Amino acid sequence: MTEPLHISFLGLGVMGSQMARHLGAAGHRLTIYNRTLARAQAWQAAHPGLAERIATSPAEAAAGADAVITCVGNDDDLADVVLGPKGAFATLRRGAVFIDHTTVSARIARQIAVEGRDKELLCVDAPVTGGQSGATAGTLSIMCGGSAAAVDAARPILAAYASRVVHVGKSGAGQTAKMANQMCIAGTLAGLAEAIRFAQTARLDLDKVFEAISGGAAQSWQMDNRFATMARDEFDFGFAVDWMRKDLGLAIDEARGLGASVPVTALIDQFYADVQALGGARQDTSALIRRLPRRSDRA
């Protein structure tokens, strides 16, 4: 294990709460902060002894820290907790490590890196994949953007909750790689949704269909983990449709700036808008199947 560090974790949502737990369990001196104080207090009560204190602002949390980690909601949230008047960069010492796990635009990641360079900070944009289950198990995959020195400094910290850490390029590259990740997931789910409804319409035994196709080229994590639940219209698994639309929007905006063509991503984003209109905004992304009628149920 790495030598214990003074780490401040900002943002105790579904993913952040688990990452912070792993850091505390690894023996790091942990300070926590959440914009809703009650959530931070509940986290501390649920994990006695893992956090030394609850900070009342990002600036207070960052004071004296060796590393600050953020996991918040979107670009505006990140800018507020990092660059705002009471943000972490107001007090974070020179030479400290800053790691952001939020899925945001590459633009804000690059902006933070420029601000951090002026303060001699080691900044890493480090979005994750692996979902709530990966965060709970400590087996997340993390795609990192930043300098080699910054990523090397972050690796011993990330080891507390990641099974794979990949340096994909300069600042912002981690976020761009995460966009590619979300495009792959959305495309896989769209194909899986149509295949399940197709098989249901043909009145096939879905257990047999899964057995037949899950061992070949069609196999995927989504098939292994969501085939049966999608067939049963069960969609309570953490990563919400609203968040996927946010992520696909980031990818579409970035593609526009790059001059890249992403017609399938744009189409599936509109499919997710259909799911939102059906009341599925807070359901898991596998709820994409809801927009396809169950014709096999008809006589």
C-alpha atoms as a PDB file:
ATOM      1  CA  MET A   1       0.000   0.000   0.000  1.00  0.00           C
ATOM      2  CA  THR A   2       1.125   3.543  -0.697  1.00  0.00           C
ATOM      3  CA  GLU A   3       2.171   5.743   2.215  1.00  0.00           C
ATOM      4  CA  PRO A   4      -0.948   7.333   3.769  1.00  0.00           C
ATOM      5  CA  LEU A   5      -1.751  10.747   2.348  1.00  0.00           C
ATOM      6  CA  HIS A   6      -4.002  13.594   3.424  1.00  0.00           C
ATOM      7  CA  ILE A   7      -6.750  13.333   0.800  1.00  0.00           C
ATOM      8  CA  SER A   8      -9.856  15.486   0.485  1.00  0.00           C
ATOM      9  CA  PHE A   9     -12.799  13.985  -1.391  1.00  0.00           C
ATOM     10  CA  LEU A  10     -15.451  16.354  -2.764  1.00  0.00           C
ATOM     11  CA  GLY A  11     -18.770  14.839  -3.826  1.00  0.00           C
ATOM     12  CA  LEU A  12     -20.351  11.866  -2.081  1.00  0.00           C
ATOM     13  CA  GLY A  13     -22.864  10.658  -4.627  1.00  0.00           C
ATOM     14  CA  VAL A  14     -23.404   7.069  -5.748  1.00  0.00           C
ATOM     15  CA  MET A  15     -19.866   6.731  -7.112  1.00  0.00           C
ATOM     16  CA  GLY A  16     -17.976   9.180  -4.913  1.00  0.00           C
ATOM     17  CA  SER A  17     -19.247   7.712  -1.669  1.00  0.00           C
ATOM     18  CA  GLN A  18     -17.751   4.328  -2.559  1.00  0.00           C
ATOM     19  CA  MET A  19     -14.428   5.748  -3.757  1.00  0.00           C
ATOM     20  CA  ALA A  20     -14.095   7.745  -0.550  1.00  0.00           C
ATOM     21  CA  ARG A  21     -14.837   4.600   1.450  1.00  0.00           C
ATOM     22  CA  HIS A  22     -12.007   2.739  -0.253  1.00  0.00           C
ATOM     23  CA  LEU A  23      -9.586   5.608   0.393  1.00  0.00           C
ATOM     24  CA  GLY A  24     -10.446   5.665   4.083  1.00  0.00           C
ATOM     25  CA  ALA A  25     -10.193   1.890   4.331  1.00  0.00           C
ATOM     26  CA  ALA A  26      -6.748   2.075   2.685  1.00  0.00           C
ATOM     27  CA  GLY A  27      -5.543   4.150   5.611  1.00  0.00           C
ATOM     28  CA  HIS A  28      -5.418   7.585   4.029  1.00  0.00           C
ATOM     29  CA  ARG A  29      -6.221  10.630   6.177  1.00  0.00           C
ATOM     30  CA  LEU A  30      -9.556  11.569   4.686  1.00  0.00           C
ATOM     31  CA  THR A  31     -11.473  14.851   4.652  1.00  0.00           C
ATOM     32  CA  ILE A  32     -14.894  14.798   3.016  1.00  0.00           C
ATOM     33  CA  TYR A  33     -17.089  17.513   1.548  1.00  0.00           C
ATOM     34  CA  ASN A  34     -20.534  17.495  -0.028  1.00  0.00           C
ATOM     35  CA  ARG A  35     -22.669  20.460  -0.982  1.00  0.00           C
ATOM     36  CA  THR A  36     -25.493  18.903   1.010  1.00  0.00           C
ATOM     37  CA  LEU A  37     -24.042  18.684   4.509  1.00  0.00           C
ATOM     38  CA  ALA A  38     -26.561  16.041   5.574  1.00  0.00           C
ATOM     39  CA  ARG A  39     -25.162  13.630   2.990  1.00  0.00           C
ATOM     40  CA  ALA A  40     -21.635  14.056   4.320  1.00  0.00           C
ATOM     41  CA  GLN A  41     -22.880  13.537   7.868  1.00  0.00           C
ATOM     42  CA  ALA A  42     -24.766  10.406   6.812  1.00  0.00           C
ATOM     43  CA  TRP A  43     -21.643   9.072   5.078  1.00  0.00           C
ATOM     44  CA  GLN A  44     -19.561   9.653   8.200  1.00  0.00           C
ATOM     45  CA  ALA A  45     -22.157   7.914  10.360  1.00  0.00           C
ATOM     46  CA  ALA A  46     -22.260   4.945   7.996  1.00  0.00           C
ATOM     47  CA  HIS A  47     -18.445   4.691   7.903  1.00  0.00           C
ATOM     48  CA  PRO A  48     -17.234   5.539  11.411  1.00  0.00           C
ATOM     49  CA  GLY A  49     -13.547   6.290  11.692  1.00  0.00           C
ATOM     50  CA  LEU A  50     -12.831   6.529   7.955  1.00  0.00           C
ATOM     51  CA  ALA A  51     -12.912  10.330   7.691  1.00  0.00           C
ATOM     52  CA  GLU A  52     -11.075  12.688  10.030  1.00  0.00           C
ATOM     53  CA  ARG A  53     -13.422  15.576   9.373  1.00  0.00           C
ATOM     54  CA  ILE A  54     -16.205  17.113   7.310  1.00  0.00           C
ATOM     55  CA  ALA A  55     -15.253  20.356   5.587  1.00  0.00           C
ATOM     56  CA  THR A  56     -17.741  23.194   5.144  1.00  0.00           C
ATOM     57  CA  SER A  57     -16.340  24.340   1.788  1.00  0.00           C
ATOM     58  CA  PRO A  58     -14.058  22.999  -0.951  1.00  0.00           C
ATOM     59  CA  ALA A  59     -11.429  25.569   0.031  1.00  0.00           C
ATOM     60  CA  GLU A  60     -11.488  24.368   3.625  1.00  0.00           C
ATOM     61  CA  ALA A  61     -11.258  20.767   2.464  1.00  0.00           C
ATOM     62  CA  ALA A  62      -8.254  21.482   0.230  1.00  0.00           C
ATOM     63  CA  ALA A  63      -6.227  23.405   2.811  1.00  0.00           C
ATOM     64  CA  GLY A  64      -3.212  21.280   3.771  1.00  0.00           C
ATOM     65  CA  ALA A  65      -4.206  18.350   1.536  1.00  0.00           C
ATOM     66  CA  ASP A  66      -1.742  16.255  -0.457  1.00  0.00           C
ATOM     67  CA  ALA A  67      -4.492  15.487  -2.978  1.00  0.00           C
ATOM     68  CA  VAL A  68      -8.010  16.652  -3.778  1.00  0.00           C
ATOM     69  CA  ILE A  69     -10.450  14.392  -5.639  1.00  0.00           C
ATOM     70  CA  THR A  70     -13.741  15.566  -7.122  1.00  0.00           C
ATOM     71  CA  CYS A  71     -16.766  13.568  -8.257  1.00  0.00           C
ATOM     72  CA  VAL A  72     -19.663  15.959  -8.829  1.00  0.00           C
ATOM     73  CA  GLY A  73     -22.397  16.468 -11.430  1.00  0.00           C
ATOM     74  CA  ASN A  74     -21.461  18.545 -14.446  1.00  0.00           C
ATOM     75  CA  ASP A  75     -19.224  21.324 -15.804  1.00  0.00           C
ATOM     76  CA  ASP A  76     -20.826  24.059 -13.708  1.00  0.00           C
ATOM     77  CA  ASP A  77     -20.628  22.007 -10.505  1.00  0.00           C
ATOM     78  CA  LEU A  78     -16.973  21.222 -11.147  1.00  0.00           C
ATOM     79  CA  ALA A  79     -16.063  24.827 -11.933  1.00  0.00           C
ATOM     80  CA  ASP A  80     -17.750  25.929  -8.700  1.00  0.00           C
ATOM     81  CA  VAL A  81     -16.005  23.456  -6.368  1.00  0.00           C
ATOM     82  CA  VAL A  82     -12.599  23.878  -8.024  1.00  0.00           C
ATOM     83  CA  LEU A  83     -12.332  27.397  -9.430  1.00  0.00           C
ATOM     84  CA  GLY A  84     -14.991  29.300  -7.482  1.00  0.00           C
ATOM     85  CA  PRO A  85     -14.271  31.851  -4.721  1.00  0.00           C
ATOM     86  CA  LYS A  86     -14.436  29.061  -2.137  1.00  0.00           C
ATOM     87  CA  GLY A  87     -13.103  26.433  -4.510  1.00  0.00           C
ATOM     88  CA  ALA A  88     -10.346  23.942  -3.876  1.00  0.00           C
ATOM     89  CA  PHE A  89      -7.734  25.788  -5.945  1.00  0.00           C
ATOM     90  CA  ALA A  90      -7.985  28.773  -3.606  1.00  0.00           C
ATOM     91  CA  THR A  91      -6.077  26.875  -0.904  1.00  0.00           C
ATOM     92  CA  LEU A  92      -4.546  23.737  -2.460  1.00  0.00           C
ATOM     93  CA  ARG A  93      -0.788  23.811  -1.918  1.00  0.00           C
ATOM     94  CA  ARG A  94       1.752  23.892  -4.720  1.00  0.00           C
ATOM     95  CA  GLY A  95       2.796  20.446  -5.898  1.00  0.00           C
ATOM     96  CA  ALA A  96      -0.411  18.776  -4.714  1.00  0.00           C
ATOM     97  CA  VAL A  97      -2.372  16.318  -6.847  1.00  0.00           C
ATOM     98  CA  PHE A  98      -5.816  17.147  -8.234  1.00  0.00           C
ATOM     99  CA  ILE A  99      -7.944  14.308  -9.655  1.00  0.00           C
ATOM    100  CA  ASP A 100     -11.377  14.764 -11.189  1.00  0.00           C
ATOM    101  CA  HIS A 101     -13.685  11.767 -11.663  1.00  0.00           C
ATOM    102  CA  THR A 102     -16.680  13.739 -12.945  1.00  0.00           C
ATOM    103  CA  THR A 103     -17.775  13.088 -16.511  1.00  0.00           C
ATOM    104  CA  VAL A 104     -17.545  16.581 -17.989  1.00  0.00           C
ATOM    105  CA  SER A 105     -16.454  18.331 -21.162  1.00  0.00           C
ATOM    106  CA  ALA A 106     -12.864  18.163 -22.335  1.00  0.00           C
ATOM    107  CA  ARG A 107     -12.974  21.954 -22.374  1.00  0.00           C
ATOM    108  CA  ILE A 108     -13.421  22.320 -18.592  1.00  0.00           C
ATOM    109  CA  ALA A 109     -10.768  19.641 -18.018  1.00  0.00           C
ATOM    110  CA  ARG A 110      -8.296  21.625 -20.101  1.00  0.00           C
ATOM    111  CA  GLN A 111      -9.263  24.874 -18.366  1.00  0.00           C
ATOM    112  CA  ILE A 112      -8.647  23.343 -14.949  1.00  0.00           C
ATOM    113  CA  ALA A 113      -5.290  21.992 -16.114  1.00  0.00           C
ATOM    114  CA  VAL A 114      -4.235  25.491 -17.235  1.00  0.00           C
ATOM    115  CA  GLU A 115      -5.321  26.987 -13.909  1.00  0.00           C
ATOM    116  CA  GLY A 116      -3.525  24.202 -12.080  1.00  0.00           C
ATOM    117  CA  ARG A 117      -0.310  24.678 -14.063  1.00  0.00           C
ATOM    118  CA  ASP A 118      -0.104  28.252 -12.845  1.00  0.00           C
ATOM    119  CA  LYS A 119      -0.278  26.892  -9.284  1.00  0.00           C
ATOM    120  CA  GLU A 120       2.195  24.040 -10.004  1.00  0.00           C
ATOM    121  CA  LEU A 121      -0.503  21.446  -9.354  1.00  0.00           C
ATOM    122  CA  LEU A 122      -0.517  17.929 -10.824  1.00  0.00           C
ATOM    123  CA  CYS A 123      -3.929  17.778 -12.522  1.00  0.00           C
ATOM    124  CA  VAL A 124      -5.547  14.625 -13.903  1.00  0.00           C
ATOM    125  CA  ASP A 125      -8.932  14.346 -15.597  1.00  0.00           C
ATOM    126  CA  ALA A 126      -9.895  10.808 -14.672  1.00  0.00           C
ATOM    127  CA  PRO A 127     -13.432   9.748 -15.597  1.00  0.00           C
ATOM    128  CA  VAL A 128     -14.322   6.181 -14.705  1.00  0.00           C
ATOM    129  CA  THR A 129     -16.212   3.240 -16.101  1.00  0.00           C
ATOM    130  CA  GLY A 130     -17.485   0.179 -14.291  1.00  0.00           C
ATOM    131  CA  GLY A 131     -20.626   1.603 -12.727  1.00  0.00           C
ATOM    132  CA  GLN A 132     -21.862   1.468  -9.169  1.00  0.00           C
ATOM    133  CA  SER A 133     -20.898  -2.186  -8.856  1.00  0.00           C
ATOM    134  CA  GLY A 134     -17.324  -1.396  -9.889  1.00  0.00           C
ATOM    135  CA  ALA A 135     -17.127   1.477  -7.424  1.00  0.00           C
ATOM    136  CA  THR A 136     -18.431  -0.730  -4.620  1.00  0.00           C
ATOM    137  CA  ALA A 137     -16.005  -3.544  -5.423  1.00  0.00           C
ATOM    138  CA  GLY A 138     -13.066  -1.209  -6.032  1.00  0.00           C
ATOM    139  CA  THR A 139     -12.574  -2.486  -9.583  1.00  0.00           C
ATOM    140  CA  LEU A 140     -13.176   0.627 -11.675  1.00  0.00           C
ATOM    141  CA  SER A 141     -11.375   1.313 -14.928  1.00  0.00           C
ATOM    142  CA  ILE A 142     -10.033   4.852 -15.145  1.00  0.00           C
ATOM    143  CA  MET A 143      -8.985   6.772 -18.260  1.00  0.00           C
ATOM    144  CA  CYS A 144      -6.576   9.586 -17.435  1.00  0.00           C
ATOM    145  CA  GLY A 145      -5.638  12.815 -19.165  1.00  0.00           C
ATOM    146  CA  GLY A 146      -2.709  14.935 -18.035  1.00  0.00           C
ATOM    147  CA  SER A 147       1.058  14.926 -17.899  1.00  0.00           C
ATOM    148  CA  ALA A 148       2.963  11.713 -17.247  1.00  0.00           C
ATOM    149  CA  ALA A 149       4.148  13.159 -13.936  1.00  0.00           C
ATOM    150  CA  ALA A 150       0.595  13.952 -12.840  1.00  0.00           C
ATOM    151  CA  VAL A 151      -0.755  10.512 -13.757  1.00  0.00           C
ATOM    152  CA  ASP A 152       2.181   8.780 -12.059  1.00  0.00           C
ATOM    153  CA  ALA A 153       1.472  10.773  -8.884  1.00  0.00           C
ATOM    154  CA  ALA A 154      -2.203   9.818  -9.060  1.00  0.00           C
ATOM    155  CA  ARG A 155      -1.729   6.066  -9.613  1.00  0.00           C
ATOM    156  CA  PRO A 156      -1.027   5.092  -5.970  1.00  0.00           C
ATOM    157  CA  ILE A 157      -4.175   6.959  -4.925  1.00  0.00           C
ATOM    158  CA  LEU A 158      -6.348   5.462  -7.660  1.00  0.00           C
ATOM    159  CA  ALA A 159      -5.153   1.973  -6.736  1.00  0.00           C
ATOM    160  CA  ALA A 160      -7.542   2.064  -3.774  1.00  0.00           C
ATOM    161  CA  TYR A 161     -10.577   1.657  -6.037  1.00  0.00           C
ATOM    162  CA  ALA A 162      -9.391   0.877  -9.560  1.00  0.00           C
ATOM    163  CA  SER A 163      -8.279  -2.318 -11.249  1.00  0.00           C
ATOM    164  CA  ARG A 164      -7.155  -0.518 -14.421  1.00  0.00           C
ATOM    165  CA  VAL A 165      -5.630   2.950 -14.841  1.00  0.00           C
ATOM    166  CA  VAL A 166      -4.722   4.025 -18.383  1.00  0.00           C
ATOM    167  CA  HIS A 167      -2.940   7.253 -19.336  1.00  0.00           C
ATOM    168  CA  VAL A 168      -4.613   8.074 -22.649  1.00  0.00           C
ATOM    169  CA  GLY A 169      -3.043  11.460 -23.389  1.00  0.00           C
ATOM    170  CA  LYS A 170      -2.786  15.122 -22.489  1.00  0.00           C
ATOM    171  CA  SER A 171      -5.268  17.094 -20.385  1.00  0.00           C
ATOM    172  CA  GLY A 172      -8.818  16.534 -21.635  1.00  0.00           C
ATOM    173  CA  ALA A 173      -7.980  13.197 -23.258  1.00  0.00           C
ATOM    174  CA  GLY A 174      -9.451  11.266 -20.342  1.00  0.00           C
ATOM    175  CA  GLN A 175     -12.788  12.997 -20.852  1.00  0.00           C
ATOM    176  CA  THR A 176     -12.701  12.426 -24.606  1.00  0.00           C
ATOM    177  CA  ALA A 177     -12.008   8.717 -24.027  1.00  0.00           C
ATOM    178  CA  LYS A 178     -14.976   8.582 -21.645  1.00  0.00           C
ATOM    179  CA  MET A 179     -17.168  10.020 -24.404  1.00  0.00           C
ATOM    180  CA  ALA A 180     -16.056   7.167 -26.661  1.00  0.00           C
ATOM    181  CA  ASN A 181     -16.883   4.746 -23.840  1.00  0.00           C
ATOM    182  CA  GLN A 182     -20.419   6.096 -23.499  1.00  0.00           C
ATOM    183  CA  MET A 183     -20.935   5.959 -27.264  1.00  0.00           C
ATOM    184  CA  CYS A 184     -20.020   2.268 -27.196  1.00  0.00           C
ATOM    185  CA  ILE A 185     -22.371   1.538 -24.297  1.00  0.00           C
ATOM    186  CA  ALA A 186     -25.295   3.367 -25.897  1.00  0.00           C
ATOM    187  CA  GLY A 187     -24.773   1.598 -29.214  1.00  0.00           C
ATOM    188  CA  THR A 188     -24.564  -1.800 -27.552  1.00  0.00           C
ATOM    189  CA  LEU A 189     -27.750  -1.183 -25.568  1.00  0.00           C
ATOM    190  CA  ALA A 190     -29.622  -0.042 -28.671  1.00  0.00           C
ATOM    191  CA  GLY A 191     -28.720  -3.243 -30.497  1.00  0.00           C
ATOM    192  CA  LEU A 192     -29.490  -5.394 -27.463  1.00  0.00           C
ATOM    193  CA  ALA A 193     -32.896  -3.747 -26.983  1.00  0.00           C
ATOM    194  CA  GLU A 194     -33.897  -4.427 -30.577  1.00  0.00           C
ATOM    195  CA  ALA A 195     -32.629  -8.019 -30.434  1.00  0.00           C
ATOM    196  CA  ILE A 196     -34.616  -8.796 -27.277  1.00  0.00           C
ATOM    197  CA  ARG A 197     -37.845  -7.305 -28.654  1.00  0.00           C
ATOM    198  CA  PHE A 198     -37.236  -9.127 -31.957  1.00  0.00           C
ATOM    199  CA  ALA A 199     -36.825 -12.459 -30.144  1.00  0.00           C
ATOM    200  CA  GLN A 200     -39.923 -11.792 -28.044  1.00  0.00           C
ATOM    201  CA  THR A 201     -41.924 -10.987 -31.161  1.00  0.00           C
ATOM    202  CA  ALA A 202     -40.763 -14.279 -32.680  1.00  0.00           C
ATOM    203  CA  ARG A 203     -41.916 -15.995 -29.469  1.00  0.00           C
ATOM    204  CA  LEU A 204     -38.512 -17.541 -28.867  1.00  0.00           C
ATOM    205  CA  ASP A 205     -37.423 -18.919 -25.509  1.00  0.00           C
ATOM    206  CA  LEU A 206     -35.271 -16.017 -24.307  1.00  0.00           C
ATOM    207  CA  ASP A 207     -33.225 -18.202 -21.970  1.00  0.00           C
ATOM    208  CA  LYS A 208     -32.262 -20.350 -24.941  1.00  0.00           C
ATOM    209  CA  VAL A 209     -31.533 -17.288 -27.072  1.00  0.00           C
ATOM    210  CA  PHE A 210     -29.208 -15.942 -24.402  1.00  0.00           C
ATOM    211  CA  GLU A 211     -27.484 -19.307 -24.066  1.00  0.00           C
ATOM    212  CA  ALA A 212     -27.006 -19.513 -27.815  1.00  0.00           C
ATOM    213  CA  ILE A 213     -25.684 -16.019 -28.538  1.00  0.00           C
ATOM    214  CA  SER A 214     -23.874 -14.963 -25.361  1.00  0.00           C
ATOM    215  CA  GLY A 215     -20.900 -17.212 -26.042  1.00  0.00           C
ATOM    216  CA  GLY A 216     -20.118 -15.786 -29.458  1.00  0.00           C
ATOM    217  CA  ALA A 217     -19.284 -12.499 -31.135  1.00  0.00           C
ATOM    218  CA  ALA A 218     -22.489 -10.837 -29.850  1.00  0.00           C
ATOM    219  CA  GLN A 219     -21.405 -11.238 -26.233  1.00  0.00           C
ATOM    220  CA  SER A 220     -20.937  -8.059 -24.174  1.00  0.00           C
ATOM    221  CA  TRP A 221     -21.037  -6.854 -20.579  1.00  0.00           C
ATOM    222  CA  GLN A 222     -24.463  -5.396 -21.266  1.00  0.00           C
ATOM    223  CA  MET A 223     -25.731  -8.723 -22.604  1.00  0.00           C
ATOM    224  CA  ASP A 224     -24.345 -10.671 -19.649  1.00  0.00           C
ATOM    225  CA  ASN A 225     -25.746  -8.257 -17.062  1.00  0.00           C
ATOM    226  CA  ARG A 226     -28.862  -6.714 -18.647  1.00  0.00           C
ATOM    227  CA  PHE A 227     -30.378  -9.246 -21.086  1.00  0.00           C
ATOM    228  CA  ALA A 228     -32.636 -10.913 -18.524  1.00  0.00           C
ATOM    229  CA  THR A 229     -33.604  -7.722 -16.704  1.00  0.00           C
ATOM    230  CA  MET A 230     -34.410  -5.856 -19.923  1.00  0.00           C
ATOM    231  CA  ALA A 231     -36.618  -8.767 -20.963  1.00  0.00           C
ATOM    232  CA  ARG A 232     -38.464  -8.411 -17.640  1.00  0.00           C
ATOM    233  CA  ASP A 233     -38.666  -4.594 -17.885  1.00  0.00           C
ATOM    234  CA  GLU A 234     -36.548  -4.082 -14.767  1.00  0.00           C
ATOM    235  CA  PHE A 235     -34.502  -0.886 -14.870  1.00  0.00           C
ATOM    236  CA  ASP A 236     -33.316  -0.018 -11.353  1.00  0.00           C
ATOM    237  CA  PHE A 237     -29.540  -0.368 -11.674  1.00  0.00           C
ATOM    238  CA  GLY A 238     -27.982   3.012 -10.930  1.00  0.00           C
ATOM    239  CA  PHE A 239     -26.810   4.916 -14.032  1.00  0.00           C
ATOM    240  CA  ALA A 240     -29.813   6.953 -15.123  1.00  0.00           C
ATOM    241  CA  VAL A 241     -31.060   7.878 -18.571  1.00  0.00           C
ATOM    242  CA  ASP A 242     -30.695  11.570 -17.644  1.00  0.00           C
ATOM    243  CA  TRP A 243     -26.973  11.053 -17.058  1.00  0.00           C
ATOM    244  CA  MET A 244     -26.526   9.146 -20.295  1.00  0.00           C
ATOM    245  CA  ARG A 245     -28.160  11.977 -22.215  1.00  0.00           C
ATOM    246  CA  LYS A 246     -25.773  14.406 -20.544  1.00  0.00           C
ATOM    247  CA  ASP A 247     -22.816  12.247 -21.553  1.00  0.00           C
ATOM    248  CA  LEU A 248     -23.984  11.734 -25.119  1.00  0.00           C
ATOM    249  CA  GLY A 249     -24.561  15.467 -25.399  1.00  0.00           C
ATOM    250  CA  LEU A 250     -20.939  16.041 -24.396  1.00  0.00           C
ATOM    251  CA  ALA A 251     -19.816  13.543 -27.031  1.00  0.00           C
ATOM    252  CA  ILE A 252     -21.937  15.136 -29.759  1.00  0.00           C
ATOM    253  CA  ASP A 253     -20.659  18.624 -28.884  1.00  0.00           C
ATOM    254  CA  GLU A 254     -17.047  17.423 -28.872  1.00  0.00           C
ATOM    255  CA  ALA A 255     -17.559  15.628 -32.188  1.00  0.00           C
ATOM    256  CA  ARG A 256     -18.958  18.811 -33.709  1.00  0.00           C
ATOM    257  CA  GLY A 257     -15.845  20.706 -32.634  1.00  0.00           C
ATOM    258  CA  LEU A 258     -13.572  17.997 -33.994  1.00  0.00           C
ATOM    259  CA  GLY A 259     -15.443  17.647 -37.256  1.00  0.00           C
ATOM    260  CA  ALA A 260     -16.166  13.976 -36.498  1.00  0.00           C
ATOM    261  CA  SER A 261     -19.320  12.245 -37.749  1.00  0.00           C
ATOM    262  CA  VAL A 262     -21.371  10.479 -35.039  1.00  0.00           C
ATOM    263  CA  PRO A 263     -24.791   9.804 -36.611  1.00  0.00           C
ATOM    264  CA  VAL A 264     -25.526   6.655 -34.580  1.00  0.00           C
ATOM    265  CA  THR A 265     -24.758   8.426 -31.313  1.00  0.00           C
ATOM    266  CA  ALA A 266     -27.024  11.321 -32.282  1.00  0.00           C
ATOM    267  CA  LEU A 267     -29.836   8.913 -33.161  1.00  0.00           C
ATOM    268  CA  ILE A 268     -29.567   6.968 -29.908  1.00  0.00           C
ATOM    269  CA  ASP A 269     -29.518  10.235 -27.965  1.00  0.00           C
ATOM    270  CA  GLN A 270     -32.942  10.934 -29.473  1.00  0.00           C
ATOM    271  CA  PHE A 271     -34.066   7.417 -28.562  1.00  0.00           C
ATOM    272  CA  TYR A 272     -33.164   8.242 -24.961  1.00  0.00           C
ATOM    273  CA  ALA A 273     -35.210  11.431 -25.256  1.00  0.00           C
ATOM    274  CA  ASP A 274     -38.161   9.143 -26.112  1.00  0.00           C
ATOM    275  CA  VAL A 275     -37.501   7.175 -22.904  1.00  0.00           C
ATOM    276  CA  GLN A 276     -37.463  10.410 -20.896  1.00  0.00           C
ATOM    277  CA  ALA A 277     -40.839  11.309 -22.416  1.00  0.00           C
ATOM    278  CA  LEU A 278     -42.135   7.910 -21.284  1.00  0.00           C
ATOM    279  CA  GLY A 279     -41.168   8.736 -17.682  1.00  0.00           C
ATOM    280  CA  GLY A 280     -37.890   6.829 -17.656  1.00  0.00           C
ATOM    281  CA  ALA A 281     -35.528   9.721 -16.919  1.00  0.00           C
ATOM    282  CA  ARG A 282     -34.294   8.220 -13.652  1.00  0.00           C
ATOM    283  CA  GLN A 283     -34.333   4.610 -14.799  1.00  0.00           C
ATOM    284  CA  ASP A 284     -31.187   2.735 -15.786  1.00  0.00           C
ATOM    285  CA  THR A 285     -29.892   3.204 -19.333  1.00  0.00           C
ATOM    286  CA  SER A 286     -31.121  -0.286 -20.237  1.00  0.00           C
ATOM    287  CA  ALA A 287     -34.619   1.255 -20.188  1.00  0.00           C
ATOM    288  CA  LEU A 288     -33.905   2.100 -23.830  1.00  0.00           C
ATOM    289  CA  ILE A 289     -35.962  -1.001 -24.629  1.00  0.00           C
ATOM    290  CA  ARG A 290     -39.103   0.765 -23.349  1.00  0.00           C
ATOM    291  CA  ARG A 291     -39.464   2.692 -26.615  1.00  0.00           C
ATOM    292  CA  LEU A 292     -39.949  -0.599 -28.506  1.00  0.00           C
ATOM    293  CA  PRO A 293     -43.470  -2.109 -28.246  1.00  0.00           C
ATOM    294  CA  ARG A 294     -44.012  -5.656 -27.009  1.00  0.00           C
ATOM    295  CA  ARG A 295     -45.764  -6.939 -30.125  1.00  0.00           C
ATOM    296  CA  SER A 296     -45.363 -10.548 -28.991  1.00  0.00           C
ATOM    297  CA  ASP A 297     -47.868  -9.870 -26.189  1.00  0.00           C
ATOM    298  CA  ARG A 298     -50.647  -9.378 -28.733  1.00  0.00           C
ATOM    299  CA  ALA A 299     -52.908 -12.246 -29.658  1.00  0.00           C
END
